[in-house]
Amino acid sequence: MANPRALDKRRKSIRNIRKITRTMELIATARFKKAMDRATAATAYARHMTNIVAGLAQAGLEVSHPLLEGREETKTAALLVITSNRGLCGGYNSSVLRQFMGRYGELKEQVPGLLIDVSGKRGLSAMRYRKIDVRHTYTQFEDRPRFEDVEEIATGYLDSYLLGDLDRLDVAYTKFLSSSKQAAVVETLLPLGSLTEATEGEQKKKDEDAAAELQYEFLPSAESILKEIVPTSFKVRLFKCFLDAAVSEQLARMVAMKMATDNASDIIKRLSMMYNRARQARITREIMEVIGGSEALNE
């Protein structure tokens, strides 16, 4: 029979763990709501910017932008993976790293020069474990990524692409679809022509309103507008990746901590039952010993 004192001590330790996981769950819930509000606000803007670039690219106008044009040969590609700085978030990081490794294997065979950039300490640890060389690391992003920080990273990619030092950029991150669905994906952000591909529903709407979408009036000129809007579209799209990753991380941590809290409660219930049985058995045994001793004295 288990020792009641040991069971009680273990039960107290599990209760302390439950308090911690419950607190972390509440914190993650609060951070998730704030991050989701930011991501939701940015989603409409990012979609609108993408639609504008898509419309301009498909308008049949004799205008072009280097960011919209793919390279005939991809000599150098960058692969950015967005992970978290902390753990205790379930399979959030492992899902992203799985997608990253799949695209990493493809690009390693196709591209002579492959550059790896990592956001998050967990991703950096994974690269060290796999002995993958990392060019740039970013560990300043938490649940509230700032546009200024992402813009600095995006500007570096844009400059490299325009100078010909970079031919392609892929980003591995967790895409936030809804509060009940998130998906680890790898998207190609450069060249921006990949962002102009519409979904089936959007394409149907474009076909219905083709005449309206093909009519543009530029002031002062189409070149000047493209010069401003195309780089901005890329910056917003990259910022949206960081926002989605932040929302998905907090949601994953909230779910993981809720499961941990529920499991702790189940363990406490089982330990309580074992403790009560052990305590009852010990009391019964002591009573029987007293009765046995009393009978021995009476004899």
Protein backbone atom coordinates (compact mmCIF):
# COMPACT_ATOMS: atom_id res chain seq x y z
CA MET A 1 0.00 0.00 0.00
CA ALA A 2 1.29 3.47 -0.92
CA ASN A 3 2.42 5.81 1.79
CA PRO A 4 -0.34 8.40 2.47
CA ARG A 5 2.24 11.06 3.37
CA ALA A 6 4.08 10.58 0.08
CA LEU A 7 0.79 10.72 -1.85
CA ASP A 8 -0.23 13.92 -0.07
CA LYS A 9 3.15 15.49 -0.81
CA ARG A 10 2.87 14.59 -4.49
CA ARG A 11 -0.70 15.92 -4.62
CA LYS A 12 0.45 19.27 -3.23
CA SER A 13 3.20 19.53 -5.82
CA ILE A 14 0.71 18.80 -8.64
CA ARG A 15 -1.58 21.49 -7.25
CA ASN A 16 1.26 23.99 -7.41
CA ILE A 17 1.95 23.00 -11.01
CA ARG A 18 -1.74 23.43 -11.82
CA LYS A 19 -1.66 26.97 -10.43
CA ILE A 20 1.28 27.78 -12.71
CA THR A 21 -0.28 26.28 -15.84
CA ARG A 22 -3.59 27.97 -15.12
CA THR A 23 -1.86 31.33 -14.75
CA MET A 24 0.05 30.79 -17.99
CA GLU A 25 -3.20 29.88 -19.72
CA LEU A 26 -4.83 33.15 -18.60
CA ILE A 27 -1.80 35.17 -19.69
CA ALA A 28 -1.74 33.46 -23.09
CA THR A 29 -5.48 34.11 -23.50
CA ALA A 30 -5.05 37.83 -22.86
CA ARG A 31 -2.08 38.05 -25.22
CA PHE A 32 -3.91 36.04 -27.86
CA LYS A 33 -6.86 38.43 -27.89
CA LYS A 34 -4.61 41.46 -28.30
CA ALA A 35 -2.52 39.79 -30.99
CA MET A 36 -5.63 38.63 -32.86
CA ASP A 37 -7.02 42.18 -32.90
CA ARG A 38 -3.79 43.42 -34.50
CA ALA A 39 -3.70 40.56 -37.00
CA THR A 40 -7.34 41.07 -37.96
CA ALA A 41 -6.76 44.77 -38.54
CA ALA A 42 -3.73 44.03 -40.71
CA THR A 43 -5.42 41.26 -42.69
CA ALA A 44 -7.86 43.52 -44.52
CA TYR A 45 -5.11 46.01 -45.35
CA ALA A 46 -2.74 43.30 -46.56
CA ARG A 47 -5.45 41.70 -48.70
CA HIS A 48 -6.37 45.04 -50.23
CA MET A 49 -2.74 45.83 -51.02
CA THR A 50 -2.28 42.39 -52.58
CA ASN A 51 -5.40 42.84 -54.72
CA ILE A 52 -4.15 46.20 -55.93
CA VAL A 53 -0.80 44.75 -56.94
CA ALA A 54 -2.57 41.81 -58.60
CA GLY A 55 -4.86 44.16 -60.48
CA LEU A 56 -2.01 46.32 -61.68
CA ALA A 57 0.00 43.29 -62.73
CA GLN A 58 -2.94 41.83 -64.66
CA ALA A 59 -4.23 45.06 -66.14
CA GLY A 60 -2.35 44.62 -69.40
CA LEU A 61 -0.55 47.94 -69.01
CA GLU A 62 2.94 48.45 -70.38
CA VAL A 63 4.43 49.01 -66.96
CA SER A 64 6.62 46.73 -64.89
CA HIS A 65 8.46 46.54 -61.62
CA PRO A 66 11.53 44.43 -60.76
CA LEU A 67 9.78 42.91 -57.75
CA LEU A 68 6.98 41.57 -59.95
CA GLU A 69 9.29 39.85 -62.39
CA GLY A 70 10.74 36.45 -61.68
CA ARG A 71 14.32 35.56 -62.48
CA GLU A 72 15.15 33.27 -65.38
CA GLU A 73 17.58 31.40 -63.14
CA THR A 74 17.50 31.26 -59.35
CA LYS A 75 21.08 31.39 -58.11
CA THR A 76 20.50 32.66 -54.57
CA ALA A 77 17.47 32.08 -52.38
CA ALA A 78 16.69 33.01 -48.77
CA LEU A 79 14.54 30.90 -46.48
CA LEU A 80 13.16 32.61 -43.37
CA VAL A 81 11.63 30.50 -40.60
CA ILE A 82 9.52 32.18 -37.90
CA THR A 83 9.42 30.34 -34.57
CA SER A 84 8.92 31.34 -30.93
CA ASN A 85 11.40 32.44 -28.31
CA ARG A 86 9.81 30.26 -25.64
CA GLY A 87 8.42 26.76 -25.41
CA LEU A 88 5.34 25.34 -23.69
CA CYS A 89 3.25 25.88 -26.81
CA GLY A 90 2.53 22.33 -27.93
CA GLY A 91 3.52 21.39 -31.46
CA TYR A 92 3.70 24.98 -32.71
CA ASN A 93 7.45 25.04 -33.39
CA SER A 94 7.76 21.44 -34.54
CA SER A 95 5.06 21.97 -37.22
CA VAL A 96 6.84 25.02 -38.63
CA LEU A 97 10.22 23.30 -38.58
CA ARG A 98 8.75 20.30 -40.43
CA GLN A 99 7.55 22.57 -43.22
CA PHE A 100 10.87 24.39 -43.18
CA MET A 101 12.89 21.18 -43.56
CA GLY A 102 10.75 20.09 -46.50
CA ARG A 103 11.35 23.33 -48.41
CA TYR A 104 14.97 23.39 -47.26
CA GLY A 105 15.57 20.00 -48.91
CA GLU A 106 13.94 21.16 -52.16
CA LEU A 107 15.87 24.43 -52.39
CA LYS A 108 19.13 22.76 -51.39
CA GLU A 109 18.94 20.63 -54.53
CA GLN A 110 17.72 23.38 -56.87
CA VAL A 111 19.54 26.53 -55.75
CA PRO A 112 23.35 26.85 -55.61
CA GLY A 113 23.28 29.50 -52.88
CA LEU A 114 20.77 29.02 -50.06
CA LEU A 115 20.65 31.48 -47.16
CA ILE A 116 18.87 30.63 -43.90
CA ASP A 117 17.40 33.31 -41.63
CA VAL A 118 15.77 32.43 -38.32
CA SER A 119 13.36 34.33 -36.10
CA GLY A 120 12.98 32.91 -32.60
CA LYS A 121 15.29 31.14 -30.16
CA ARG A 122 13.56 27.79 -30.67
CA GLY A 123 14.27 27.85 -34.37
CA LEU A 124 17.87 28.85 -33.72
CA SER A 125 18.30 25.88 -31.36
CA ALA A 126 16.84 23.57 -34.02
CA MET A 127 19.30 24.87 -36.62
CA ARG A 128 22.22 24.30 -34.28
CA TYR A 129 21.03 20.78 -33.56
CA ARG A 130 20.78 20.04 -37.29
CA LYS A 131 24.09 21.83 -37.95
CA ILE A 132 22.52 24.24 -40.47
CA ASP A 133 24.37 27.50 -40.99
CA VAL A 134 22.28 30.58 -40.19
CA ARG A 135 22.91 33.97 -41.73
CA HIS A 136 20.67 36.28 -39.67
CA THR A 137 18.85 35.68 -36.40
CA TYR A 138 16.00 37.74 -34.95
CA THR A 139 15.01 37.24 -31.32
CA GLN A 140 13.30 40.56 -30.59
CA PHE A 141 9.82 39.46 -31.66
CA GLU A 142 7.28 38.41 -29.02
CA ASP A 143 3.48 38.58 -29.07
CA ARG A 144 3.49 42.20 -30.35
CA PRO A 145 5.83 42.45 -33.36
CA ARG A 146 6.41 46.04 -34.42
CA PHE A 147 6.11 47.11 -38.04
CA GLU A 148 9.31 49.15 -37.74
CA ASP A 149 11.32 46.02 -36.91
CA VAL A 150 9.76 43.99 -39.71
CA GLU A 151 10.18 46.87 -42.15
CA GLU A 152 13.91 46.89 -41.48
CA ILE A 153 14.13 43.20 -42.32
CA ALA A 154 11.93 43.63 -45.39
CA THR A 155 14.06 46.52 -46.64
CA GLY A 156 17.13 44.31 -46.46
CA TYR A 157 15.43 41.66 -48.60
CA LEU A 158 14.19 44.25 -51.09
CA ASP A 159 17.64 45.83 -51.49
CA SER A 160 19.25 42.42 -52.01
CA TYR A 161 16.61 41.47 -54.59
CA LEU A 162 16.91 44.72 -56.52
CA LEU A 163 20.71 44.49 -56.53
CA GLY A 164 20.58 40.94 -57.84
CA ASP A 165 22.07 39.38 -54.72
CA LEU A 166 18.80 37.55 -53.99
CA ASP A 167 16.53 35.81 -56.49
CA ARG A 168 13.88 34.30 -54.22
CA LEU A 169 12.52 34.56 -50.69
CA ASP A 170 10.48 31.88 -48.92
CA VAL A 171 8.98 32.24 -45.44
CA ALA A 172 8.02 29.32 -43.17
CA TYR A 173 5.51 30.31 -40.49
CA THR A 174 2.17 29.38 -38.94
CA LYS A 175 -0.72 30.95 -40.82
CA PHE A 176 -3.68 32.01 -38.70
CA LEU A 177 -6.92 31.05 -40.43
CA SER A 178 -9.31 31.13 -37.49
CA SER A 179 -9.32 30.57 -33.75
CA SER A 180 -9.91 26.87 -34.42
CA LYS A 181 -7.55 26.41 -37.36
CA GLN A 182 -3.91 27.31 -37.93
CA ALA A 183 -1.62 25.83 -40.54
CA ALA A 184 2.16 25.72 -40.81
CA VAL A 185 2.99 26.83 -44.35
CA VAL A 186 5.86 27.95 -46.55
CA GLU A 187 5.07 30.85 -48.88
CA THR A 188 7.15 32.48 -51.59
CA LEU A 189 7.18 36.25 -51.06
CA LEU A 190 9.75 37.25 -53.66
CA PRO A 191 9.23 37.72 -56.50
CA LEU A 192 5.92 39.40 -55.77
CA GLY A 193 4.37 37.79 -58.82
CA SER A 194 3.56 34.84 -56.57
CA LEU A 195 1.37 37.11 -54.45
CA THR A 196 -0.74 38.12 -57.40
CA GLU A 197 -2.15 34.63 -57.83
CA ALA A 198 -5.75 34.81 -56.71
CA THR A 199 -7.74 32.07 -55.09
CA GLU A 200 -10.52 30.37 -57.01
CA GLY A 201 -13.21 32.55 -55.46
CA GLU A 202 -11.25 35.72 -55.99
CA GLN A 203 -10.51 34.72 -59.58
CA LYS A 204 -14.23 34.19 -60.25
CA LYS A 205 -14.98 37.65 -58.96
CA LYS A 206 -12.16 39.08 -61.07
CA ASP A 207 -13.59 37.43 -64.16
CA GLU A 208 -17.02 38.90 -63.46
CA ASP A 209 -15.62 42.39 -62.94
CA ALA A 210 -12.85 42.13 -65.54
CA ALA A 211 -13.95 45.19 -67.43
CA ALA A 212 -13.94 47.34 -64.33
CA GLU A 213 -10.60 46.02 -63.11
CA LEU A 214 -8.85 46.69 -66.39
CA GLN A 215 -9.70 50.38 -66.32
CA TYR A 216 -7.12 52.44 -64.43
CA GLU A 217 -6.33 56.11 -64.38
CA PHE A 218 -2.86 56.88 -63.03
CA LEU A 219 -1.81 60.20 -61.59
CA PRO A 220 0.94 61.26 -61.92
CA SER A 221 2.07 58.02 -63.66
CA ALA A 222 1.79 54.27 -63.38
CA GLU A 223 5.54 53.94 -62.83
CA SER A 224 5.56 56.26 -59.83
CA ILE A 225 2.59 54.49 -58.25
CA LEU A 226 4.12 51.06 -58.74
CA LYS A 227 7.40 52.31 -57.32
CA GLU A 228 5.64 53.09 -54.04
CA ILE A 229 2.92 50.48 -53.76
CA VAL A 230 4.83 47.34 -54.75
CA PRO A 231 7.54 47.55 -52.05
CA THR A 232 4.88 48.53 -49.50
CA SER A 233 2.84 45.47 -50.44
CA PHE A 234 5.83 43.23 -49.74
CA LYS A 235 6.51 44.88 -46.37
CA VAL A 236 2.88 44.51 -45.31
CA ARG A 237 2.82 40.89 -46.43
CA LEU A 238 5.95 40.06 -44.42
CA PHE A 239 4.53 41.92 -41.42
CA LYS A 240 1.36 39.84 -41.73
CA CYS A 241 3.48 36.67 -41.52
CA PHE A 242 4.94 37.82 -38.20
CA LEU A 243 1.51 38.80 -36.89
CA ASP A 244 0.01 35.44 -37.84
CA ALA A 245 2.91 33.66 -36.18
CA ALA A 246 2.43 35.67 -32.97
CA VAL A 247 -1.31 34.94 -32.84
CA SER A 248 -0.81 31.24 -33.55
CA GLU A 249 1.90 30.97 -30.90
CA GLN A 250 -0.28 32.45 -28.15
CA LEU A 251 -3.23 30.30 -29.20
CA ALA A 252 -1.05 27.17 -29.18
CA ARG A 253 0.30 28.07 -25.75
CA MET A 254 -3.22 28.75 -24.44
CA VAL A 255 -4.43 25.33 -25.64
CA ALA A 256 -1.32 23.56 -24.33
CA MET A 257 -1.63 25.15 -20.89
CA LYS A 258 -5.35 24.36 -20.73
CA MET A 259 -4.60 20.72 -21.48
CA ALA A 260 -1.85 20.72 -18.86
CA THR A 261 -4.24 22.24 -16.30
CA ASP A 262 -6.93 19.65 -17.08
CA ASN A 263 -4.42 16.82 -16.86
CA ALA A 264 -3.17 18.15 -13.52
CA SER A 265 -6.75 18.17 -12.23
CA ASP A 266 -7.23 14.56 -13.32
CA ILE A 267 -4.01 13.51 -11.62
CA ILE A 268 -5.04 15.30 -8.42
CA LYS A 269 -8.34 13.42 -8.42
CA ARG A 270 -6.61 10.08 -8.83
CA LEU A 271 -4.07 10.91 -6.14
CA SER A 272 -6.87 11.99 -3.80
CA MET A 273 -8.60 8.66 -4.27
CA MET A 274 -5.36 6.78 -3.66
CA TYR A 275 -4.61 8.94 -0.62
CA ASN A 276 -8.06 8.34 0.90
CA ARG A 277 -7.81 4.60 0.32
CA ALA A 278 -4.31 4.43 1.79
CA ARG A 279 -5.35 6.54 4.76
CA GLN A 280 -8.43 4.40 5.34
CA ALA A 281 -6.37 1.23 5.07
CA ARG A 282 -3.85 2.56 7.56
CA ILE A 283 -6.58 3.56 10.04
CA THR A 284 -8.21 0.14 9.65
CA ARG A 285 -4.88 -1.56 10.21
CA GLU A 286 -4.21 0.50 13.35
CA ILE A 287 -7.67 -0.27 14.71
CA MET A 288 -7.13 -3.96 14.09
CA GLU A 289 -3.80 -3.77 15.88
CA VAL A 290 -5.43 -2.08 18.87
CA ILE A 291 -8.20 -4.69 18.96
CA GLY A 292 -5.67 -7.48 18.66
CA GLY A 293 -3.57 -6.05 21.46
CA SER A 294 -6.63 -5.61 23.67
CA GLU A 295 -7.70 -9.23 23.13
CA ALA A 296 -4.18 -10.40 23.92
CA LEU A 297 -4.22 -8.53 27.24
CA ASN A 298 -7.64 -9.95 28.15
CA GLU A 299 -6.34 -13.44 27.66
